[in-house]
Amino acid sequence: MAYNLPPLPWLRSFEAAARLGNFTRAAEELLITPAAVSYQVRQLEQHLGYPLFERAHRELMLTRLGQTYLPTVEKAFSDLSIATVSVFGERDRQPVRFRCLNSFGQLWMIPRIKSFQEAHPGIELQMISASWAETLSPELFDIDVRFGNGSWADGAVEFLLNDPIIPVCHPDQALPAGGNDLVSLGKATRLDIMGVVDTWENFFRNFGRSVPPRNGLQVDQTLSALELAALGHGHALVLQTLAAPYLESGRLIRSCERKLKSRHSYYLVTDRPRQALGPDAQIFCDWMIQELGTD
């Protein structure tokens, strides 16, 4: 939509002159000449068709219309300033922007963010969550936490973690004791996650069993599979790190003690080597590597 606005420099000169009381102090703040401030205010008054100041003996007094207009102009500039800092950070210290998959962000990153902020209160973070099928411009983030085979050519790639795959289920769906766990799993309802390489088929083949037919819901994210499993909708095959919060809370249990080495791993991808990132980004990366190493 088109906005019926005067030029922003005119509004800035008006706001500064009204706040500071004269054109000279406004000029010093805006880094222009007093004559330029005076000219821009007069242009604004001509644009609006009404005077905003009463000029007498080098002192400025707002007219009634000027007094009415000033709070709205001040709020507009304040809102713009807040929004700019919120999205882009302070000019002398940019926030650390990182992207990660939804499941990793919700289940691993968010529970640990508080400890990072307590240790580094001066570092501002921006987290961008994405699904496995989503492509975002790399200009939106500095650090990308990816899950895959590591063969990306769009940045510096650094290994983070290879996490085993484990089957989990609601406690009420525990496999019968004393039986063959693979036979029981083959008969149980199983949830499938689309787009992953570590499937139930690979799990059964790895342990020398024939692949049973699919018999449960298919979802596109690990988080959805975990939530469905926690509600008793079947067994889910997931990364151990992502299942940890559910196992610790008792919402899920391991279906059996078998685990499968994942064919994919977590990697840190940056547009340049980690050592060349800004100091705040390096601190965040070092913290994440340490935290993953202690899990």
C-alpha atoms as a PDB file:
ATOM      1  CA  MET A   1       0.000   0.000   0.000  1.00  0.00           C
ATOM      2  CA  ALA A   2       1.052   3.592  -0.543  1.00  0.00           C
ATOM      3  CA  TYR A   3       1.714   5.660   2.575  1.00  0.00           C
ATOM      4  CA  ASN A   4       0.762   9.353   2.692  1.00  0.00           C
ATOM      5  CA  LEU A   5       3.934  10.409   4.511  1.00  0.00           C
ATOM      6  CA  PRO A   6       6.268  13.417   4.366  1.00  0.00           C
ATOM      7  CA  PRO A   7       9.949  12.630   3.729  1.00  0.00           C
ATOM      8  CA  LEU A   8      11.542  11.041   6.804  1.00  0.00           C
ATOM      9  CA  PRO A   9      14.402  13.612   7.036  1.00  0.00           C
ATOM     10  CA  TRP A  10      11.804  16.354   7.496  1.00  0.00           C
ATOM     11  CA  LEU A  11      10.145  14.358  10.285  1.00  0.00           C
ATOM     12  CA  ARG A  12      13.512  13.703  11.955  1.00  0.00           C
ATOM     13  CA  SER A  13      14.355  17.401  11.964  1.00  0.00           C
ATOM     14  CA  PHE A  14      10.932  18.245  13.405  1.00  0.00           C
ATOM     15  CA  GLU A  15      11.199  15.620  16.158  1.00  0.00           C
ATOM     16  CA  ALA A  16      14.750  16.599  17.143  1.00  0.00           C
ATOM     17  CA  ALA A  17      14.014  20.338  17.133  1.00  0.00           C
ATOM     18  CA  ALA A  18      10.859  19.856  19.212  1.00  0.00           C
ATOM     19  CA  ARG A  19      12.627  17.589  21.705  1.00  0.00           C
ATOM     20  CA  LEU A  20      15.779  19.716  22.057  1.00  0.00           C
ATOM     21  CA  GLY A  21      14.173  23.142  21.879  1.00  0.00           C
ATOM     22  CA  ASN A  22      16.098  24.766  19.006  1.00  0.00           C
ATOM     23  CA  PHE A  23      17.565  24.137  15.589  1.00  0.00           C
ATOM     24  CA  THR A  24      21.209  24.332  16.697  1.00  0.00           C
ATOM     25  CA  ARG A  25      21.035  21.428  19.148  1.00  0.00           C
ATOM     26  CA  ALA A  26      18.944  19.428  16.673  1.00  0.00           C
ATOM     27  CA  ALA A  27      21.579  20.036  13.994  1.00  0.00           C
ATOM     28  CA  GLU A  28      24.357  18.807  16.317  1.00  0.00           C
ATOM     29  CA  GLU A  29      22.454  15.579  16.962  1.00  0.00           C
ATOM     30  CA  LEU A  30      21.570  14.995  13.310  1.00  0.00           C
ATOM     31  CA  LEU A  31      25.027  15.971  12.038  1.00  0.00           C
ATOM     32  CA  ILE A  32      23.700  18.611   9.661  1.00  0.00           C
ATOM     33  CA  THR A  33      23.685  22.423   9.759  1.00  0.00           C
ATOM     34  CA  PRO A  34      21.085  24.498  11.661  1.00  0.00           C
ATOM     35  CA  ALA A  35      20.070  26.003   8.336  1.00  0.00           C
ATOM     36  CA  ALA A  36      19.340  22.513   6.992  1.00  0.00           C
ATOM     37  CA  VAL A  37      17.184  21.707  10.025  1.00  0.00           C
ATOM     38  CA  SER A  38      15.292  24.959   9.635  1.00  0.00           C
ATOM     39  CA  TYR A  39      14.793  24.334   5.912  1.00  0.00           C
ATOM     40  CA  GLN A  40      13.506  20.792   6.454  1.00  0.00           C
ATOM     41  CA  VAL A  41      11.060  21.902   9.157  1.00  0.00           C
ATOM     42  CA  ARG A  42       9.723  24.647   6.891  1.00  0.00           C
ATOM     43  CA  GLN A  43       9.342  22.137   4.070  1.00  0.00           C
ATOM     44  CA  LEU A  44       7.382  19.889   6.429  1.00  0.00           C
ATOM     45  CA  GLU A  45       5.141  22.768   7.466  1.00  0.00           C
ATOM     46  CA  GLN A  46       4.479  23.653   3.819  1.00  0.00           C
ATOM     47  CA  HIS A  47       3.744  19.995   3.058  1.00  0.00           C
ATOM     48  CA  LEU A  48       1.251  19.783   5.921  1.00  0.00           C
ATOM     49  CA  GLY A  49      -0.184  23.252   5.320  1.00  0.00           C
ATOM     50  CA  TYR A  50       0.090  24.284   8.973  1.00  0.00           C
ATOM     51  CA  PRO A  51       2.829  25.769  11.198  1.00  0.00           C
ATOM     52  CA  LEU A  52       4.371  23.444  13.765  1.00  0.00           C
ATOM     53  CA  PHE A  53       6.489  25.987  15.658  1.00  0.00           C
ATOM     54  CA  GLU A  54       6.132  29.544  16.897  1.00  0.00           C
ATOM     55  CA  ARG A  55       9.529  31.154  16.353  1.00  0.00           C
ATOM     56  CA  ALA A  56      10.584  33.969  18.719  1.00  0.00           C
ATOM     57  CA  HIS A  57      14.066  35.115  19.828  1.00  0.00           C
ATOM     58  CA  ARG A  58      15.741  31.889  18.660  1.00  0.00           C
ATOM     59  CA  GLU A  59      13.453  29.813  20.874  1.00  0.00           C
ATOM     60  CA  LEU A  60      10.964  27.362  19.473  1.00  0.00           C
ATOM     61  CA  MET A  61       7.485  26.834  20.856  1.00  0.00           C
ATOM     62  CA  LEU A  62       5.259  24.139  19.464  1.00  0.00           C
ATOM     63  CA  THR A  63       1.920  25.251  18.115  1.00  0.00           C
ATOM     64  CA  ARG A  64      -1.181  23.371  19.238  1.00  0.00           C
ATOM     65  CA  LEU A  65      -1.055  21.250  16.086  1.00  0.00           C
ATOM     66  CA  GLY A  66       2.669  20.671  16.637  1.00  0.00           C
ATOM     67  CA  GLN A  67       1.971  19.457  20.175  1.00  0.00           C
ATOM     68  CA  THR A  68      -0.683  17.090  18.831  1.00  0.00           C
ATOM     69  CA  TYR A  69       1.542  15.772  16.038  1.00  0.00           C
ATOM     70  CA  LEU A  70       4.768  15.284  18.038  1.00  0.00           C
ATOM     71  CA  PRO A  71       3.797  12.215  20.153  1.00  0.00           C
ATOM     72  CA  THR A  72       2.785  10.280  17.044  1.00  0.00           C
ATOM     73  CA  VAL A  73       6.049  11.114  15.276  1.00  0.00           C
ATOM     74  CA  GLU A  74       8.071  10.164  18.375  1.00  0.00           C
ATOM     75  CA  LYS A  75       6.251   6.838  18.671  1.00  0.00           C
ATOM     76  CA  ALA A  76       6.774   6.072  14.991  1.00  0.00           C
ATOM     77  CA  PHE A  77      10.544   6.591  15.275  1.00  0.00           C
ATOM     78  CA  SER A  78      10.643   4.616  18.531  1.00  0.00           C
ATOM     79  CA  ASP A  79       8.784   1.694  16.938  1.00  0.00           C
ATOM     80  CA  LEU A  80      11.140   1.738  13.946  1.00  0.00           C
ATOM     81  CA  SER A  81      14.176   1.771  16.239  1.00  0.00           C
ATOM     82  CA  ILE A  82      12.893  -1.121  18.348  1.00  0.00           C
ATOM     83  CA  ALA A  83      11.993  -3.181  15.288  1.00  0.00           C
ATOM     84  CA  THR A  84      15.366  -2.528  13.655  1.00  0.00           C
ATOM     85  CA  VAL A  85      17.338  -3.599  16.728  1.00  0.00           C
ATOM     86  CA  SER A  86      15.049  -6.602  17.261  1.00  0.00           C
ATOM     87  CA  VAL A  87      15.623  -7.937  13.759  1.00  0.00           C
ATOM     88  CA  PHE A  88      19.164  -6.768  12.966  1.00  0.00           C
ATOM     89  CA  GLY A  89      20.754  -6.081  16.360  1.00  0.00           C
ATOM     90  CA  GLU A  90      22.843  -3.140  17.462  1.00  0.00           C
ATOM     91  CA  ARG A  91      25.236  -1.756  14.838  1.00  0.00           C
ATOM     92  CA  ASP A  92      28.284  -2.485  16.957  1.00  0.00           C
ATOM     93  CA  ARG A  93      27.161  -5.969  18.029  1.00  0.00           C
ATOM     94  CA  GLN A  94      25.104  -8.199  15.789  1.00  0.00           C
ATOM     95  CA  PRO A  95      23.073 -11.118  17.189  1.00  0.00           C
ATOM     96  CA  VAL A  96      24.235 -14.661  16.520  1.00  0.00           C
ATOM     97  CA  ARG A  97      21.735 -16.091  14.033  1.00  0.00           C
ATOM     98  CA  PHE A  98      21.520 -19.864  13.728  1.00  0.00           C
ATOM     99  CA  ARG A  99      19.216 -22.303  11.999  1.00  0.00           C
ATOM    100  CA  CYS A 100      18.322 -25.833  13.006  1.00  0.00           C
ATOM    101  CA  LEU A 101      15.641 -28.400  12.309  1.00  0.00           C
ATOM    102  CA  ASN A 102      12.415 -28.019  14.292  1.00  0.00           C
ATOM    103  CA  SER A 103      12.894 -31.230  16.255  1.00  0.00           C
ATOM    104  CA  PHE A 104      16.493 -30.416  17.212  1.00  0.00           C
ATOM    105  CA  GLY A 105      15.523 -26.880  18.170  1.00  0.00           C
ATOM    106  CA  GLN A 106      12.561 -27.897  20.314  1.00  0.00           C
ATOM    107  CA  LEU A 107      14.061 -30.964  21.981  1.00  0.00           C
ATOM    108  CA  TRP A 108      17.771 -30.176  22.290  1.00  0.00           C
ATOM    109  CA  MET A 109      18.428 -26.460  21.817  1.00  0.00           C
ATOM    110  CA  ILE A 110      15.576 -24.748  23.670  1.00  0.00           C
ATOM    111  CA  PRO A 111      16.063 -26.669  26.959  1.00  0.00           C
ATOM    112  CA  ARG A 112      19.719 -25.522  26.971  1.00  0.00           C
ATOM    113  CA  ILE A 113      19.352 -21.904  25.833  1.00  0.00           C
ATOM    114  CA  LYS A 114      18.882 -20.616  29.381  1.00  0.00           C
ATOM    115  CA  SER A 115      22.213 -22.034  30.535  1.00  0.00           C
ATOM    116  CA  PHE A 116      23.985 -20.372  27.593  1.00  0.00           C
ATOM    117  CA  GLN A 117      22.354 -17.009  28.288  1.00  0.00           C
ATOM    118  CA  GLU A 118      23.270 -17.217  31.968  1.00  0.00           C
ATOM    119  CA  ALA A 119      26.897 -17.949  31.059  1.00  0.00           C
ATOM    120  CA  HIS A 120      27.013 -15.312  28.292  1.00  0.00           C
ATOM    121  CA  PRO A 121      24.422 -12.605  29.107  1.00  0.00           C
ATOM    122  CA  GLY A 122      25.902 -10.162  26.590  1.00  0.00           C
ATOM    123  CA  ILE A 123      25.349 -12.390  23.554  1.00  0.00           C
ATOM    124  CA  GLU A 124      22.035 -12.092  21.721  1.00  0.00           C
ATOM    125  CA  LEU A 125      20.755 -15.165  19.875  1.00  0.00           C
ATOM    126  CA  GLN A 126      18.280 -15.553  17.027  1.00  0.00           C
ATOM    127  CA  MET A 127      17.041 -19.082  16.304  1.00  0.00           C
ATOM    128  CA  ILE A 128      15.430 -19.944  12.962  1.00  0.00           C
ATOM    129  CA  SER A 129      13.581 -23.263  12.872  1.00  0.00           C
ATOM    130  CA  ALA A 130      13.138 -25.134   9.611  1.00  0.00           C
ATOM    131  CA  SER A 131      11.746 -28.437   8.364  1.00  0.00           C
ATOM    132  CA  TRP A 132      13.856 -30.906   6.401  1.00  0.00           C
ATOM    133  CA  ALA A 133      12.081 -29.885   3.180  1.00  0.00           C
ATOM    134  CA  GLU A 134      12.490 -26.138   3.655  1.00  0.00           C
ATOM    135  CA  THR A 135      15.106 -24.038   1.895  1.00  0.00           C
ATOM    136  CA  LEU A 136      16.076 -20.671   3.365  1.00  0.00           C
ATOM    137  CA  SER A 137      18.433 -17.999   2.122  1.00  0.00           C
ATOM    138  CA  PRO A 138      21.805 -18.301   3.892  1.00  0.00           C
ATOM    139  CA  GLU A 139      21.720 -14.520   4.389  1.00  0.00           C
ATOM    140  CA  LEU A 140      19.169 -15.107   7.156  1.00  0.00           C
ATOM    141  CA  PHE A 141      21.588 -16.956   9.446  1.00  0.00           C
ATOM    142  CA  ASP A 142      25.300 -17.267  10.285  1.00  0.00           C
ATOM    143  CA  ILE A 143      25.315 -20.841  11.608  1.00  0.00           C
ATOM    144  CA  ASP A 144      23.429 -23.831  10.254  1.00  0.00           C
ATOM    145  CA  VAL A 145      23.041 -27.027  12.297  1.00  0.00           C
ATOM    146  CA  ARG A 146      22.276 -29.707   9.703  1.00  0.00           C
ATOM    147  CA  PHE A 147      21.552 -33.405   9.774  1.00  0.00           C
ATOM    148  CA  GLY A 148      22.820 -35.380   6.808  1.00  0.00           C
ATOM    149  CA  ASN A 149      25.846 -36.994   5.231  1.00  0.00           C
ATOM    150  CA  GLY A 150      28.027 -33.882   5.406  1.00  0.00           C
ATOM    151  CA  SER A 151      28.496 -33.516   1.644  1.00  0.00           C
ATOM    152  CA  TRP A 152      27.471 -29.874   1.311  1.00  0.00           C
ATOM    153  CA  ALA A 153      29.458 -27.450  -0.813  1.00  0.00           C
ATOM    154  CA  ASP A 154      27.904 -24.161   0.321  1.00  0.00           C
ATOM    155  CA  GLY A 155      30.081 -23.569   3.385  1.00  0.00           C
ATOM    156  CA  ALA A 156      32.598 -24.884   5.880  1.00  0.00           C
ATOM    157  CA  VAL A 157      31.331 -28.213   7.245  1.00  0.00           C
ATOM    158  CA  GLU A 158      32.328 -29.467  10.701  1.00  0.00           C
ATOM    159  CA  PHE A 159      31.208 -32.766  12.287  1.00  0.00           C
ATOM    160  CA  LEU A 160      29.202 -32.421  15.505  1.00  0.00           C
ATOM    161  CA  LEU A 161      27.613 -35.715  16.528  1.00  0.00           C
ATOM    162  CA  ASN A 162      26.631 -39.145  15.275  1.00  0.00           C
ATOM    163  CA  ASP A 163      23.592 -40.185  17.272  1.00  0.00           C
ATOM    164  CA  PRO A 164      22.271 -43.764  17.478  1.00  0.00           C
ATOM    165  CA  ILE A 165      18.723 -44.584  16.434  1.00  0.00           C
ATOM    166  CA  ILE A 166      16.510 -46.271  19.034  1.00  0.00           C
ATOM    167  CA  PRO A 167      12.907 -47.542  19.106  1.00  0.00           C
ATOM    168  CA  VAL A 168      10.651 -45.973  21.761  1.00  0.00           C
ATOM    169  CA  CYS A 169       7.035 -46.361  22.860  1.00  0.00           C
ATOM    170  CA  HIS A 170       4.504 -45.460  25.530  1.00  0.00           C
ATOM    171  CA  PRO A 171       4.989 -47.487  28.741  1.00  0.00           C
ATOM    172  CA  ASP A 172       1.611 -49.164  28.191  1.00  0.00           C
ATOM    173  CA  GLN A 173       2.883 -50.513  24.862  1.00  0.00           C
ATOM    174  CA  ALA A 174       5.972 -52.228  26.273  1.00  0.00           C
ATOM    175  CA  LEU A 175       6.876 -55.399  24.371  1.00  0.00           C
ATOM    176  CA  PRO A 176       6.040 -58.715  26.050  1.00  0.00           C
ATOM    177  CA  ALA A 177       8.734 -59.818  28.477  1.00  0.00           C
ATOM    178  CA  GLY A 178      10.716 -62.910  27.563  1.00  0.00           C
ATOM    179  CA  GLY A 179       9.734 -62.884  23.896  1.00  0.00           C
ATOM    180  CA  ASN A 180      11.704 -62.114  20.767  1.00  0.00           C
ATOM    181  CA  ASP A 181      11.810 -58.317  20.652  1.00  0.00           C
ATOM    182  CA  LEU A 182      12.156 -58.147  16.854  1.00  0.00           C
ATOM    183  CA  VAL A 183       9.190 -60.458  16.321  1.00  0.00           C
ATOM    184  CA  SER A 184       7.118 -58.393  18.751  1.00  0.00           C
ATOM    185  CA  LEU A 185       8.183 -55.132  17.086  1.00  0.00           C
ATOM    186  CA  GLY A 186       7.265 -56.559  13.697  1.00  0.00           C
ATOM    187  CA  LYS A 187       3.721 -57.175  14.943  1.00  0.00           C
ATOM    188  CA  ALA A 188       3.387 -53.842  16.790  1.00  0.00           C
ATOM    189  CA  THR A 189       2.080 -50.605  15.341  1.00  0.00           C
ATOM    190  CA  ARG A 190       5.014 -48.555  14.110  1.00  0.00           C
ATOM    191  CA  LEU A 191       5.222 -44.874  13.197  1.00  0.00           C
ATOM    192  CA  ASP A 192       7.219 -43.954  10.083  1.00  0.00           C
ATOM    193  CA  ILE A 193       9.061 -40.659   9.572  1.00  0.00           C
ATOM    194  CA  MET A 194       9.147 -39.558   5.944  1.00  0.00           C
ATOM    195  CA  GLY A 195      12.361 -38.275   4.401  1.00  0.00           C
ATOM    196  CA  VAL A 196      14.782 -40.059   6.763  1.00  0.00           C
ATOM    197  CA  VAL A 197      17.357 -42.674   5.774  1.00  0.00           C
ATOM    198  CA  ASP A 198      17.219 -44.596   9.068  1.00  0.00           C
ATOM    199  CA  THR A 199      13.905 -46.357   8.538  1.00  0.00           C
ATOM    200  CA  TRP A 200      12.223 -49.336  10.164  1.00  0.00           C
ATOM    201  CA  GLU A 201      13.199 -51.317   7.070  1.00  0.00           C
ATOM    202  CA  ASN A 202      16.874 -50.596   7.720  1.00  0.00           C
ATOM    203  CA  PHE A 203      16.430 -51.385  11.402  1.00  0.00           C
ATOM    204  CA  PHE A 204      15.013 -54.870  10.769  1.00  0.00           C
ATOM    205  CA  ARG A 205      17.479 -55.654   7.988  1.00  0.00           C
ATOM    206  CA  ASN A 206      20.391 -54.637  10.202  1.00  0.00           C
ATOM    207  CA  PHE A 207      19.413 -57.351  12.684  1.00  0.00           C
ATOM    208  CA  GLY A 208      18.829 -59.985  10.021  1.00  0.00           C
ATOM    209  CA  ARG A 209      15.048 -59.939  10.008  1.00  0.00           C
ATOM    210  CA  SER A 210      12.624 -59.710   7.132  1.00  0.00           C
ATOM    211  CA  VAL A 211      10.917 -56.354   6.787  1.00  0.00           C
ATOM    212  CA  PRO A 212       7.332 -56.339   8.083  1.00  0.00           C
ATOM    213  CA  PRO A 213       4.745 -54.304   6.149  1.00  0.00           C
ATOM    214  CA  ARG A 214       4.006 -50.756   7.232  1.00  0.00           C
ATOM    215  CA  ASN A 215       1.101 -50.575   9.633  1.00  0.00           C
ATOM    216  CA  GLY A 216       1.104 -47.114  11.241  1.00  0.00           C
ATOM    217  CA  LEU A 217       0.872 -43.417  10.586  1.00  0.00           C
ATOM    218  CA  GLN A 218       3.524 -41.611   8.521  1.00  0.00           C
ATOM    219  CA  VAL A 219       4.695 -38.165   9.661  1.00  0.00           C
ATOM    220  CA  ASP A 220       7.222 -35.650   8.342  1.00  0.00           C
ATOM    221  CA  GLN A 221       9.026 -34.735  11.583  1.00  0.00           C
ATOM    222  CA  THR A 222      10.626 -36.562  14.498  1.00  0.00           C
ATOM    223  CA  LEU A 223       8.801 -34.304  16.946  1.00  0.00           C
ATOM    224  CA  SER A 224       5.454 -35.472  15.567  1.00  0.00           C
ATOM    225  CA  ALA A 225       6.508 -39.124  15.820  1.00  0.00           C
ATOM    226  CA  LEU A 226       7.605 -38.660  19.433  1.00  0.00           C
ATOM    227  CA  GLU A 227       4.365 -36.937  20.401  1.00  0.00           C
ATOM    228  CA  LEU A 228       2.276 -39.629  18.741  1.00  0.00           C
ATOM    229  CA  ALA A 229       4.292 -42.359  20.435  1.00  0.00           C
ATOM    230  CA  ALA A 230       3.875 -40.619  23.793  1.00  0.00           C
ATOM    231  CA  LEU A 231       0.111 -40.668  23.217  1.00  0.00           C
ATOM    232  CA  GLY A 232       0.196 -44.416  22.590  1.00  0.00           C
ATOM    233  CA  HIS A 233      -0.142 -44.422  18.801  1.00  0.00           C
ATOM    234  CA  GLY A 234       2.768 -46.798  18.164  1.00  0.00           C
ATOM    235  CA  HIS A 235       6.514 -47.324  18.334  1.00  0.00           C
ATOM    236  CA  ALA A 236       8.797 -44.649  16.887  1.00  0.00           C
ATOM    237  CA  LEU A 237      12.345 -45.032  15.583  1.00  0.00           C
ATOM    238  CA  VAL A 238      14.198 -41.840  16.496  1.00  0.00           C
ATOM    239  CA  LEU A 239      17.558 -40.318  17.335  1.00  0.00           C
ATOM    240  CA  GLN A 240      18.533 -41.031  20.936  1.00  0.00           C
ATOM    241  CA  THR A 241      19.347 -37.372  21.690  1.00  0.00           C
ATOM    242  CA  LEU A 242      15.891 -36.253  20.585  1.00  0.00           C
ATOM    243  CA  ALA A 243      14.162 -39.005  22.543  1.00  0.00           C
ATOM    244  CA  ALA A 244      16.073 -38.145  25.737  1.00  0.00           C
ATOM    245  CA  PRO A 245      13.571 -35.574  27.151  1.00  0.00           C
ATOM    246  CA  TYR A 246      10.715 -38.068  26.735  1.00  0.00           C
ATOM    247  CA  LEU A 247      12.686 -40.919  28.282  1.00  0.00           C
ATOM    248  CA  GLU A 248      13.788 -38.761  31.227  1.00  0.00           C
ATOM    249  CA  SER A 249      10.221 -37.628  31.926  1.00  0.00           C
ATOM    250  CA  GLY A 250       8.845 -41.168  31.664  1.00  0.00           C
ATOM    251  CA  ARG A 251       6.482 -40.321  28.827  1.00  0.00           C
ATOM    252  CA  LEU A 252       8.321 -42.873  26.691  1.00  0.00           C
ATOM    253  CA  ILE A 253      10.412 -45.960  27.311  1.00  0.00           C
ATOM    254  CA  ARG A 254      12.791 -47.797  25.027  1.00  0.00           C
ATOM    255  CA  SER A 255      10.958 -50.509  23.131  1.00  0.00           C
ATOM    256  CA  CYS A 256      14.049 -52.689  23.420  1.00  0.00           C
ATOM    257  CA  GLU A 257      17.764 -52.268  24.044  1.00  0.00           C
ATOM    258  CA  ARG A 258      18.718 -52.543  20.380  1.00  0.00           C
ATOM    259  CA  LYS A 259      20.120 -49.470  18.670  1.00  0.00           C
ATOM    260  CA  LEU A 260      21.189 -48.681  15.126  1.00  0.00           C
ATOM    261  CA  LYS A 261      24.119 -46.484  14.104  1.00  0.00           C
ATOM    262  CA  SER A 262      22.657 -43.652  12.097  1.00  0.00           C
ATOM    263  CA  ARG A 263      23.859 -43.218   8.547  1.00  0.00           C
ATOM    264  CA  HIS A 264      23.554 -39.444   8.989  1.00  0.00           C
ATOM    265  CA  SER A 265      25.115 -37.109  11.554  1.00  0.00           C
ATOM    266  CA  TYR A 266      24.773 -33.581  12.878  1.00  0.00           C
ATOM    267  CA  TYR A 267      27.097 -31.024  11.267  1.00  0.00           C
ATOM    268  CA  LEU A 268      27.918 -27.376  11.782  1.00  0.00           C
ATOM    269  CA  VAL A 269      27.821 -25.438   8.499  1.00  0.00           C
ATOM    270  CA  THR A 270      29.093 -21.851   8.288  1.00  0.00           C
ATOM    271  CA  ASP A 271      29.871 -19.545   5.378  1.00  0.00           C
ATOM    272  CA  ARG A 272      33.525 -19.463   6.478  1.00  0.00           C
ATOM    273  CA  PRO A 273      35.687 -21.521   8.873  1.00  0.00           C
ATOM    274  CA  ARG A 274      34.497 -21.351  12.472  1.00  0.00           C
ATOM    275  CA  GLN A 275      37.732 -19.671  13.565  1.00  0.00           C
ATOM    276  CA  ALA A 276      36.958 -16.774  11.197  1.00  0.00           C
ATOM    277  CA  LEU A 277      33.492 -16.078  12.636  1.00  0.00           C
ATOM    278  CA  GLY A 278      32.835 -13.159  14.943  1.00  0.00           C
ATOM    279  CA  PRO A 279      33.725 -13.652  18.620  1.00  0.00           C
ATOM    280  CA  ASP A 280      30.111 -14.135  19.759  1.00  0.00           C
ATOM    281  CA  ALA A 281      29.447 -16.722  17.041  1.00  0.00           C
ATOM    282  CA  GLN A 282      32.629 -18.584  17.982  1.00  0.00           C
ATOM    283  CA  ILE A 283      31.581 -18.678  21.633  1.00  0.00           C
ATOM    284  CA  PHE A 284      28.172 -20.056  20.681  1.00  0.00           C
ATOM    285  CA  CYS A 285      29.682 -22.735  18.428  1.00  0.00           C
ATOM    286  CA  ASP A 286      32.189 -23.768  21.095  1.00  0.00           C
ATOM    287  CA  TRP A 287      29.371 -24.025  23.646  1.00  0.00           C
ATOM    288  CA  MET A 288      27.233 -26.163  21.344  1.00  0.00           C
ATOM    289  CA  ILE A 289      30.129 -28.510  20.545  1.00  0.00           C
ATOM    290  CA  GLN A 290      30.850 -28.904  24.245  1.00  0.00           C
ATOM    291  CA  GLU A 291      27.214 -29.561  25.106  1.00  0.00           C
ATOM    292  CA  LEU A 292      26.818 -32.171  22.372  1.00  0.00           C
ATOM    293  CA  GLY A 293      30.009 -33.850  23.509  1.00  0.00           C
ATOM    294  CA  THR A 294      28.702 -34.214  27.059  1.00  0.00           C
ATOM    295  CA  ASP A 295      25.312 -35.696  26.095  1.00  0.00           C
END
